[in-house]
């Protein structure tokens, strides 16, 4: 796997039971208009949905794209971490158009 993209990270909430959530910041390894690759120790399965924020660190203030919907399409394990391929999806798009 290549190096993580500098100054770019993804942020999402990971649920631990009914009332407890953890905010997780993870490095981004690839990014294009269709999706990204994240590295995390949290366990997801292909087909799981995720809502994430992409945060770019800037000298004065961070730039943040919030509420990006994605679907885990691939999972690769490396040591104790996982590389997840995430495909961005449009939440307004219907799955079965008539």
PDB file of N, CA and C in Angstrom:
ATOM      1  N   UNK A   1       0.853  -1.172   0.000  1.00  0.00           N
ATOM      2  CA  UNK A   1       0.000   0.000   0.000  1.00  0.00           C
ATOM      3  C   UNK A   1       0.893   1.228   0.000  1.00  0.00           C
ATOM      4  N   UNK A   2       0.469   2.242  -0.689  1.00  0.00           N
ATOM      5  CA  UNK A   2       1.205   3.506  -0.736  1.00  0.00           C
ATOM      6  C   UNK A   2       1.127   4.226   0.596  1.00  0.00           C
ATOM      7  N   UNK A   3       1.806   5.348   0.675  1.00  0.00           N
ATOM      8  CA  UNK A   3       1.763   6.177   1.878  1.00  0.00           C
ATOM      9  C   UNK A   3       0.398   6.867   1.990  1.00  0.00           C
ATOM     10  N   UNK A   4       0.051   7.249   3.218  1.00  0.00           N
ATOM     11  CA  UNK A   4      -1.187   7.994   3.442  1.00  0.00           C
ATOM     12  C   UNK A   4      -1.076   9.369   2.800  1.00  0.00           C
ATOM     13  N   UNK A   5      -2.203   9.889   2.341  1.00  0.00           N
ATOM     14  CA  UNK A   5      -2.217  11.225   1.756  1.00  0.00           C
ATOM     15  C   UNK A   5      -1.910  12.250   2.842  1.00  0.00           C
ATOM     16  N   UNK A   6      -0.981  13.162   2.587  1.00  0.00           N
ATOM     17  CA  UNK A   6      -0.619  14.123   3.636  1.00  0.00           C
ATOM     18  C   UNK A   6      -1.752  15.120   3.904  1.00  0.00           C
ATOM     19  N   UNK A   7      -1.906  15.490   5.146  1.00  0.00           N
ATOM     20  CA  UNK A   7      -2.861  16.520   5.586  1.00  0.00           C
ATOM     21  C   UNK A   7      -4.321  16.171   5.326  1.00  0.00           C
ATOM     22  N   UNK A   8      -4.634  14.901   5.059  1.00  0.00           N
ATOM     23  CA  UNK A   8      -6.023  14.501   4.818  1.00  0.00           C
ATOM     24  C   UNK A   8      -6.360  13.322   5.719  1.00  0.00           C
ATOM     25  N   UNK A   9      -7.507  13.421   6.385  1.00  0.00           N
ATOM     26  CA  UNK A   9      -7.959  12.326   7.223  1.00  0.00           C
ATOM     27  C   UNK A   9      -9.481  12.208   7.106  1.00  0.00           C
ATOM     28  N   UNK A  10      -9.970  11.046   7.453  1.00  0.00           N
ATOM     29  CA  UNK A  10     -11.411  10.808   7.470  1.00  0.00           C
ATOM     30  C   UNK A  10     -11.851  10.669   8.917  1.00  0.00           C
ATOM     31  N   UNK A  11     -13.036  11.151   9.194  1.00  0.00           N
ATOM     32  CA  UNK A  11     -13.594  11.096  10.545  1.00  0.00           C
ATOM     33  C   UNK A  11     -14.980  10.465  10.452  1.00  0.00           C
ATOM     34  N   UNK A  12     -15.242   9.510  11.341  1.00  0.00           N
ATOM     35  CA  UNK A  12     -16.567   8.893  11.392  1.00  0.00           C
ATOM     36  C   UNK A  12     -16.857   8.470  12.821  1.00  0.00           C
ATOM     37  N   UNK A  13     -18.104   8.131  13.084  1.00  0.00           N
ATOM     38  CA  UNK A  13     -18.510   7.656  14.408  1.00  0.00           C
ATOM     39  C   UNK A  13     -18.713   6.149  14.334  1.00  0.00           C
ATOM     40  N   UNK A  14     -18.166   5.444  15.323  1.00  0.00           N
ATOM     41  CA  UNK A  14     -18.271   3.985  15.394  1.00  0.00           C
ATOM     42  C   UNK A  14     -19.094   3.643  16.624  1.00  0.00           C
ATOM     43  N   UNK A  15     -20.148   2.877  16.432  1.00  0.00           N
ATOM     44  CA  UNK A  15     -21.086   2.569  17.513  1.00  0.00           C
ATOM     45  C   UNK A  15     -20.574   1.393  18.347  1.00  0.00           C
ATOM     46  N   UNK A  16     -20.588   1.599  19.679  1.00  0.00           N
ATOM     47  CA  UNK A  16     -20.241   0.564  20.653  1.00  0.00           C
ATOM     48  C   UNK A  16     -21.473   0.299  21.514  1.00  0.00           C
ATOM     49  N   UNK A  17     -22.412  -0.425  21.005  1.00  0.00           N
ATOM     50  CA  UNK A  17     -23.625  -0.687  21.765  1.00  0.00           C
ATOM     51  C   UNK A  17     -24.712   0.324  21.437  1.00  0.00           C
ATOM     52  N   UNK A  18     -25.710   0.378  22.292  1.00  0.00           N
ATOM     53  CA  UNK A  18     -26.893   1.189  22.023  1.00  0.00           C
ATOM     54  C   UNK A  18     -26.658   2.681  22.253  1.00  0.00           C
ATOM     55  N   UNK A  19     -25.949   3.065  23.308  1.00  0.00           N
ATOM     56  CA  UNK A  19     -25.831   4.467  23.668  1.00  0.00           C
ATOM     57  C   UNK A  19     -24.427   5.039  23.542  1.00  0.00           C
ATOM     58  N   UNK A  20     -23.452   4.246  23.199  1.00  0.00           N
ATOM     59  CA  UNK A  20     -22.076   4.722  23.192  1.00  0.00           C
ATOM     60  C   UNK A  20     -21.514   4.748  21.778  1.00  0.00           C
ATOM     61  N   UNK A  21     -20.962   5.906  21.384  1.00  0.00           N
ATOM     62  CA  UNK A  21     -20.320   6.051  20.088  1.00  0.00           C
ATOM     63  C   UNK A  21     -18.922   6.621  20.297  1.00  0.00           C
ATOM     64  N   UNK A  22     -18.019   6.237  19.412  1.00  0.00           N
ATOM     65  CA  UNK A  22     -16.646   6.723  19.462  1.00  0.00           C
ATOM     66  C   UNK A  22     -16.346   7.459  18.163  1.00  0.00           C
ATOM     67  N   UNK A  23     -15.752   8.651  18.268  1.00  0.00           N
ATOM     68  CA  UNK A  23     -15.333   9.381  17.071  1.00  0.00           C
ATOM     69  C   UNK A  23     -13.936   8.899  16.692  1.00  0.00           C
ATOM     70  N   UNK A  24     -13.788   8.502  15.436  1.00  0.00           N
ATOM     71  CA  UNK A  24     -12.543   7.910  14.963  1.00  0.00           C
ATOM     72  C   UNK A  24     -11.972   8.765  13.836  1.00  0.00           C
ATOM     73  N   UNK A  25     -10.697   9.113  13.937  1.00  0.00           N
ATOM     74  CA  UNK A  25      -9.968   9.782  12.855  1.00  0.00           C
ATOM     75  C   UNK A  25      -9.000   8.771  12.255  1.00  0.00           C
ATOM     76  N   UNK A  26      -9.062   8.583  10.944  1.00  0.00           N
ATOM     77  CA  UNK A  26      -8.219   7.596  10.275  1.00  0.00           C
ATOM     78  C   UNK A  26      -7.534   8.225   9.059  1.00  0.00           C
ATOM     79  N   UNK A  27      -6.382   7.690   8.672  1.00  0.00           N
ATOM     80  CA  UNK A  27      -5.704   8.207   7.479  1.00  0.00           C
ATOM     81  C   UNK A  27      -6.399   7.755   6.195  1.00  0.00           C
ATOM     82  N   UNK A  28      -6.273   8.580   5.167  1.00  0.00           N
ATOM     83  CA  UNK A  28      -6.817   8.276   3.839  1.00  0.00           C
ATOM     84  C   UNK A  28      -5.633   7.938   2.933  1.00  0.00           C
ATOM     85  N   UNK A  29      -5.729   6.814   2.216  1.00  0.00           N
ATOM     86  CA  UNK A  29      -4.622   6.361   1.381  1.00  0.00           C
ATOM     87  C   UNK A  29      -4.849   6.608  -0.099  1.00  0.00           C
ATOM     88  N   UNK A  30      -6.079   6.648  -0.533  1.00  0.00           N
ATOM     89  CA  UNK A  30      -6.419   6.963  -1.921  1.00  0.00           C
ATOM     90  C   UNK A  30      -7.715   7.750  -1.901  1.00  0.00           C
ATOM     91  N   UNK A  31      -7.877   8.640  -2.894  1.00  0.00           N
ATOM     92  CA  UNK A  31      -9.097   9.435  -2.980  1.00  0.00           C
ATOM     93  C   UNK A  31      -9.322   9.821  -4.427  1.00  0.00           C
ATOM     94  N   UNK A  32     -10.536   9.601  -4.913  1.00  0.00           N
ATOM     95  CA  UNK A  32     -10.946  10.092  -6.222  1.00  0.00           C
ATOM     96  C   UNK A  32     -12.433  10.441  -6.144  1.00  0.00           C
ATOM     97  N   UNK A  33     -13.050  10.738  -7.261  1.00  0.00           N
ATOM     98  CA  UNK A  33     -14.448  11.175  -7.237  1.00  0.00           C
ATOM     99  C   UNK A  33     -15.418  10.038  -6.920  1.00  0.00           C
ATOM    100  N   UNK A  34     -14.965   8.795  -6.977  1.00  0.00           N
ATOM    101  CA  UNK A  34     -15.846   7.647  -6.763  1.00  0.00           C
ATOM    102  C   UNK A  34     -15.707   7.032  -5.379  1.00  0.00           C
ATOM    103  N   UNK A  35     -14.589   7.286  -4.696  1.00  0.00           N
ATOM    104  CA  UNK A  35     -14.408   6.681  -3.390  1.00  0.00           C
ATOM    105  C   UNK A  35     -13.037   6.942  -2.813  1.00  0.00           C
ATOM    106  N   UNK A  36     -12.718   6.187  -1.772  1.00  0.00           N
ATOM    107  CA  UNK A  36     -11.430   6.355  -1.094  1.00  0.00           C
ATOM    108  C   UNK A  36     -11.031   5.042  -0.435  1.00  0.00           C
ATOM    109  N   UNK A  37      -9.801   5.003   0.078  1.00  0.00           N
ATOM    110  CA  UNK A  37      -9.299   3.868   0.830  1.00  0.00           C
ATOM    111  C   UNK A  37      -8.886   4.378   2.203  1.00  0.00           C
ATOM    112  N   UNK A  38      -9.438   3.758   3.250  1.00  0.00           N
ATOM    113  CA  UNK A  38      -9.174   4.143   4.631  1.00  0.00           C
ATOM    114  C   UNK A  38      -8.445   3.021   5.351  1.00  0.00           C
ATOM    115  N   UNK A  39      -7.661   3.391   6.357  1.00  0.00           N
ATOM    116  CA  UNK A  39      -6.990   2.398   7.201  1.00  0.00           C
ATOM    117  C   UNK A  39      -7.504   2.562   8.620  1.00  0.00           C
ATOM    118  N   UNK A  40      -8.032   1.471   9.192  1.00  0.00           N
ATOM    119  CA  UNK A  40      -8.602   1.536  10.532  1.00  0.00           C
ATOM    120  C   UNK A  40      -8.472   0.187  11.220  1.00  0.00           C
ATOM    121  N   UNK A  41      -8.546   0.213  12.554  1.00  0.00           N
ATOM    122  CA  UNK A  41      -8.577  -1.036  13.306  1.00  0.00           C
ATOM    123  C   UNK A  41     -10.008  -1.441  13.655  1.00  0.00           C
ATOM    124  N   UNK A  42     -10.992  -0.643  13.256  1.00  0.00           N
ATOM    125  CA  UNK A  42     -12.397  -0.969  13.477  1.00  0.00           C
ATOM    126  C   UNK A  42     -12.834  -1.987  12.435  1.00  0.00           C
ATOM    127  N   UNK A  43     -13.762  -2.867  12.812  1.00  0.00           N
ATOM    128  CA  UNK A  43     -14.157  -3.965  11.932  1.00  0.00           C
ATOM    129  C   UNK A  43     -15.460  -3.616  11.215  1.00  0.00           C
ATOM    130  N   UNK A  44     -15.403  -3.627   9.892  1.00  0.00           N
ATOM    131  CA  UNK A  44     -16.571  -3.470   9.029  1.00  0.00           C
ATOM    132  C   UNK A  44     -16.622  -4.659   8.080  1.00  0.00           C
ATOM    133  N   UNK A  45     -17.775  -4.909   7.527  1.00  0.00           N
ATOM    134  CA  UNK A  45     -17.963  -5.957   6.532  1.00  0.00           C
ATOM    135  C   UNK A  45     -18.312  -5.314   5.194  1.00  0.00           C
ATOM    136  N   UNK A  46     -17.946  -5.933   4.072  1.00  0.00           N
ATOM    137  CA  UNK A  46     -18.390  -5.406   2.783  1.00  0.00           C
ATOM    138  C   UNK A  46     -19.916  -5.292   2.758  1.00  0.00           C
ATOM    139  N   UNK A  47     -20.396  -4.155   2.280  1.00  0.00           N
ATOM    140  CA  UNK A  47     -21.824  -3.870   2.251  1.00  0.00           C
ATOM    141  C   UNK A  47     -22.271  -2.952   3.374  1.00  0.00           C
ATOM    142  N   UNK A  48     -21.442  -2.778   4.417  1.00  0.00           N
ATOM    143  CA  UNK A  48     -21.775  -1.858   5.501  1.00  0.00           C
ATOM    144  C   UNK A  48     -21.746  -0.422   4.983  1.00  0.00           C
ATOM    145  N   UNK A  49     -22.651   0.403   5.497  1.00  0.00           N
ATOM    146  CA  UNK A  49     -22.665   1.817   5.128  1.00  0.00           C
ATOM    147  C   UNK A  49     -21.938   2.621   6.194  1.00  0.00           C
ATOM    148  N   UNK A  50     -21.379   3.740   5.767  1.00  0.00           N
ATOM    149  CA  UNK A  50     -20.617   4.596   6.661  1.00  0.00           C
ATOM    150  C   UNK A  50     -20.867   6.044   6.258  1.00  0.00           C
ATOM    151  N   UNK A  51     -20.978   6.913   7.232  1.00  0.00           N
ATOM    152  CA  UNK A  51     -21.083   8.348   6.983  1.00  0.00           C
ATOM    153  C   UNK A  51     -19.808   8.969   7.531  1.00  0.00           C
ATOM    154  N   UNK A  52     -19.059   9.618   6.655  1.00  0.00           N
ATOM    155  CA  UNK A  52     -17.774  10.140   7.083  1.00  0.00           C
ATOM    156  C   UNK A  52     -17.599  11.594   6.688  1.00  0.00           C
ATOM    157  N   UNK A  53     -16.656  12.229   7.353  1.00  0.00           N
ATOM    158  CA  UNK A  53     -16.232  13.589   7.033  1.00  0.00           C
ATOM    159  C   UNK A  53     -14.798  13.501   6.539  1.00  0.00           C
ATOM    160  N   UNK A  54     -14.489  14.200   5.465  1.00  0.00           N
ATOM    161  CA  UNK A  54     -13.109  14.299   4.986  1.00  0.00           C
ATOM    162  C   UNK A  54     -12.563  15.640   5.453  1.00  0.00           C
ATOM    163  N   UNK A  55     -11.454  15.609   6.172  1.00  0.00           N
ATOM    164  CA  UNK A  55     -10.893  16.809   6.787  1.00  0.00           C
ATOM    165  C   UNK A  55      -9.487  17.030   6.248  1.00  0.00           C
ATOM    166  N   UNK A  56      -9.250  18.209   5.674  1.00  0.00           N
ATOM    167  CA  UNK A  56      -7.926  18.580   5.193  1.00  0.00           C
ATOM    168  C   UNK A  56      -7.348  19.627   6.129  1.00  0.00           C
ATOM    169  N   UNK A  57      -6.176  19.331   6.667  1.00  0.00           N
ATOM    170  CA  UNK A  57      -5.508  20.246   7.592  1.00  0.00           C
ATOM    171  C   UNK A  57      -4.860  21.376   6.807  1.00  0.00           C
ATOM    172  N   UNK A  58      -5.214  22.609   7.178  1.00  0.00           N
ATOM    173  CA  UNK A  58      -4.670  23.805   6.538  1.00  0.00           C
ATOM    174  C   UNK A  58      -4.001  24.669   7.607  1.00  0.00           C
ATOM    175  N   UNK A  59      -3.129  25.601   7.204  1.00  0.00           N
ATOM    176  CA  UNK A  59      -2.403  26.408   8.196  1.00  0.00           C
ATOM    177  C   UNK A  59      -3.295  27.222   9.133  1.00  0.00           C
ATOM    178  N   UNK A  60      -4.363  27.810   8.617  1.00  0.00           N
ATOM    179  CA  UNK A  60      -5.209  28.665   9.454  1.00  0.00           C
ATOM    180  C   UNK A  60      -6.398  27.896  10.016  1.00  0.00           C
ATOM    181  N   UNK A  61      -7.142  27.232   9.144  1.00  0.00           N
ATOM    182  CA  UNK A  61      -8.339  26.516   9.563  1.00  0.00           C
ATOM    183  C   UNK A  61      -8.498  25.284   8.682  1.00  0.00           C
ATOM    184  N   UNK A  62      -9.055  24.222   9.229  1.00  0.00           N
ATOM    185  CA  UNK A  62      -9.252  22.994   8.460  1.00  0.00           C
ATOM    186  C   UNK A  62     -10.416  23.141   7.484  1.00  0.00           C
ATOM    187  N   UNK A  63     -10.328  22.436   6.362  1.00  0.00           N
ATOM    188  CA  UNK A  63     -11.412  22.352   5.396  1.00  0.00           C
ATOM    189  C   UNK A  63     -12.080  21.006   5.605  1.00  0.00           C
ATOM    190  N   UNK A  64     -13.419  21.001   5.702  1.00  0.00           N
ATOM    191  CA  UNK A  64     -14.123  19.763   6.018  1.00  0.00           C
ATOM    192  C   UNK A  64     -15.304  19.560   5.074  1.00  0.00           C
ATOM    193  N   UNK A  65     -15.369  18.382   4.460  1.00  0.00           N
ATOM    194  CA  UNK A  65     -16.539  17.959   3.688  1.00  0.00           C
ATOM    195  C   UNK A  65     -17.298  16.985   4.584  1.00  0.00           C
ATOM    196  N   UNK A  66     -18.479  17.394   5.027  1.00  0.00           N
ATOM    197  CA  UNK A  66     -19.202  16.621   6.034  1.00  0.00           C
ATOM    198  C   UNK A  66     -20.316  15.784   5.430  1.00  0.00           C
ATOM    199  N   UNK A  67     -20.603  14.676   6.092  1.00  0.00           N
ATOM    200  CA  UNK A  67     -21.762  13.852   5.760  1.00  0.00           C
ATOM    201  C   UNK A  67     -21.664  13.125   4.438  1.00  0.00           C
ATOM    202  N   UNK A  68     -20.500  12.606   4.113  1.00  0.00           N
ATOM    203  CA  UNK A  68     -20.328  11.854   2.866  1.00  0.00           C
ATOM    204  C   UNK A  68     -20.766  10.416   3.117  1.00  0.00           C
ATOM    205  N   UNK A  69     -21.725   9.947   2.329  1.00  0.00           N
ATOM    206  CA  UNK A  69     -22.231   8.578   2.468  1.00  0.00           C
ATOM    207  C   UNK A  69     -21.377   7.633   1.647  1.00  0.00           C
ATOM    208  N   UNK A  70     -21.054   6.498   2.235  1.00  0.00           N
ATOM    209  CA  UNK A  70     -20.249   5.519   1.533  1.00  0.00           C
ATOM    210  C   UNK A  70     -20.650   4.099   1.887  1.00  0.00           C
ATOM    211  N   UNK A  71     -20.218   3.178   1.045  1.00  0.00           N
ATOM    212  CA  UNK A  71     -20.442   1.750   1.254  1.00  0.00           C
ATOM    213  C   UNK A  71     -19.087   1.064   1.206  1.00  0.00           C
ATOM    214  N   UNK A  72     -18.835   0.199   2.176  1.00  0.00           N
ATOM    215  CA  UNK A  72     -17.609  -0.587   2.186  1.00  0.00           C
ATOM    216  C   UNK A  72     -17.736  -1.633   1.082  1.00  0.00           C
ATOM    217  N   UNK A  73     -16.823  -1.594   0.104  1.00  0.00           N
ATOM    218  CA  UNK A  73     -16.911  -2.559  -0.990  1.00  0.00           C
ATOM    219  C   UNK A  73     -15.815  -3.614  -0.936  1.00  0.00           C
ATOM    220  N   UNK A  74     -14.739  -3.326  -0.183  1.00  0.00           N
ATOM    221  CA  UNK A  74     -13.653  -4.296  -0.096  1.00  0.00           C
ATOM    222  C   UNK A  74     -12.907  -4.091   1.206  1.00  0.00           C
ATOM    223  N   UNK A  75     -12.395  -5.179   1.754  1.00  0.00           N
ATOM    224  CA  UNK A  75     -11.642  -5.130   3.008  1.00  0.00           C
ATOM    225  C   UNK A  75     -10.375  -5.958   2.848  1.00  0.00           C
ATOM    226  N   UNK A  76      -9.227  -5.360   3.170  1.00  0.00           N
ATOM    227  CA  UNK A  76      -7.956  -6.085   3.135  1.00  0.00           C
ATOM    228  C   UNK A  76      -7.299  -5.942   4.505  1.00  0.00           C
ATOM    229  N   UNK A  77      -6.927  -7.068   5.102  1.00  0.00           N
ATOM    230  CA  UNK A  77      -6.298  -7.030   6.428  1.00  0.00           C
ATOM    231  C   UNK A  77      -4.787  -6.940   6.264  1.00  0.00           C
ATOM    232  N   UNK A  78      -4.173  -6.058   7.065  1.00  0.00           N
ATOM    233  CA  UNK A  78      -2.724  -5.911   7.105  1.00  0.00           C
ATOM    234  C   UNK A  78      -2.322  -5.756   8.564  1.00  0.00           C
ATOM    235  N   UNK A  79      -1.666  -6.774   9.107  1.00  0.00           N
ATOM    236  CA  UNK A  79      -1.304  -6.819  10.529  1.00  0.00           C
ATOM    237  C   UNK A  79      -2.572  -6.676  11.373  1.00  0.00           C
ATOM    238  N   UNK A  80      -2.635  -5.703  12.263  1.00  0.00           N
ATOM    239  CA  UNK A  80      -3.818  -5.543  13.111  1.00  0.00           C
ATOM    240  C   UNK A  80      -4.787  -4.501  12.571  1.00  0.00           C
ATOM    241  N   UNK A  81      -4.527  -3.992  11.370  1.00  0.00           N
ATOM    242  CA  UNK A  81      -5.385  -2.977  10.761  1.00  0.00           C
ATOM    243  C   UNK A  81      -6.044  -3.516   9.501  1.00  0.00           C
ATOM    244  N   UNK A  82      -7.052  -2.779   9.056  1.00  0.00           N
ATOM    245  CA  UNK A  82      -7.764  -3.119   7.837  1.00  0.00           C
ATOM    246  C   UNK A  82      -7.710  -1.935   6.882  1.00  0.00           C
ATOM    247  N   UNK A  83      -7.567  -2.223   5.600  1.00  0.00           N
ATOM    248  CA  UNK A  83      -7.707  -1.216   4.554  1.00  0.00           C
ATOM    249  C   UNK A  83      -9.079  -1.422   3.938  1.00  0.00           C
ATOM    250  N   UNK A  84      -9.916  -0.389   4.004  1.00  0.00           N
ATOM    251  CA  UNK A  84     -11.281  -0.458   3.493  1.00  0.00           C
ATOM    252  C   UNK A  84     -11.412   0.391   2.236  1.00  0.00           C
ATOM    253  N   UNK A  85     -11.919  -0.215   1.183  1.00  0.00           N
ATOM    254  CA  UNK A  85     -12.274   0.535  -0.015  1.00  0.00           C
ATOM    255  C   UNK A  85     -13.715   0.995   0.159  1.00  0.00           C
ATOM    256  N   UNK A  86     -13.902   2.306   0.098  1.00  0.00           N
ATOM    257  CA  UNK A  86     -15.220   2.908   0.313  1.00  0.00           C
ATOM    258  C   UNK A  86     -15.669   3.549  -0.990  1.00  0.00           C
ATOM    259  N   UNK A  87     -16.866   3.195  -1.427  1.00  0.00           N
ATOM    260  CA  UNK A  87     -17.452   3.808  -2.622  1.00  0.00           C
ATOM    261  C   UNK A  87     -18.469   4.836  -2.172  1.00  0.00           C
ATOM    262  N   UNK A  88     -18.325   6.068  -2.676  1.00  0.00           N
ATOM    263  CA  UNK A  88     -19.269   7.129  -2.325  1.00  0.00           C
ATOM    264  C   UNK A  88     -20.601   6.861  -3.012  1.00  0.00           C
ATOM    265  N   UNK A  89     -21.700   7.091  -2.283  1.00  0.00           N
ATOM    266  CA  UNK A  89     -23.039   6.893  -2.838  1.00  0.00           C
ATOM    267  C   UNK A  89     -23.859   8.147  -2.628  1.00  0.00           C
ATOM    268  N   UNK A  90     -24.800   8.376  -3.519  1.00  0.00           N
ATOM    269  CA  UNK A  90     -25.721   9.494  -3.416  1.00  0.00           C
ATOM    270  C   UNK A  90     -26.918   9.042  -2.588  1.00  0.00           C
ATOM    271  N   UNK A  91     -27.189   9.653  -1.427  1.00  0.00           N
ATOM    272  CA  UNK A  91     -28.289   9.183  -0.578  1.00  0.00           C
ATOM    273  C   UNK A  91     -29.659   9.395  -1.200  1.00  0.00           C
ATOM    274  N   UNK A  92     -29.780  10.307  -2.170  1.00  0.00           N
ATOM    275  CA  UNK A  92     -31.071  10.572  -2.799  1.00  0.00           C
ATOM    276  C   UNK A  92     -31.378   9.602  -3.931  1.00  0.00           C
ATOM    277  N   UNK A  93     -30.365   8.862  -4.387  1.00  0.00           N
ATOM    278  CA  UNK A  93     -30.560   7.936  -5.503  1.00  0.00           C
ATOM    279  C   UNK A  93     -31.342   6.716  -5.018  1.00  0.00           C
ATOM    280  N   UNK A  94     -32.364   6.343  -5.777  1.00  0.00           N
ATOM    281  CA  UNK A  94     -33.151   5.172  -5.419  1.00  0.00           C
ATOM    282  C   UNK A  94     -32.422   3.916  -5.876  1.00  0.00           C
ATOM    283  N   UNK A  95     -32.544   2.859  -5.080  1.00  0.00           N
ATOM    284  CA  UNK A  95     -31.888   1.609  -5.445  1.00  0.00           C
ATOM    285  C   UNK A  95     -32.601   0.902  -6.603  1.00  0.00           C
ATOM    286  N   UNK A  96     -33.910   0.993  -6.651  1.00  0.00           N
ATOM    287  CA  UNK A  96     -34.687   0.332  -7.696  1.00  0.00           C
ATOM    288  C   UNK A  96     -35.553   1.358  -8.406  1.00  0.00           C
ATOM    289  N   UNK A  97     -35.013   2.091  -9.384  1.00  0.00           N
ATOM    290  CA  UNK A  97     -35.861   3.070 -10.073  1.00  0.00           C
ATOM    291  C   UNK A  97     -36.953   2.378 -10.884  1.00  0.00           C
ATOM    292  N   UNK A  98     -38.094   3.049 -10.956  1.00  0.00           N
ATOM    293  CA  UNK A  98     -39.233   2.471 -11.683  1.00  0.00           C
ATOM    294  C   UNK A  98     -39.193   2.898 -13.131  1.00  0.00           C
TER     295      UNK A  98
END
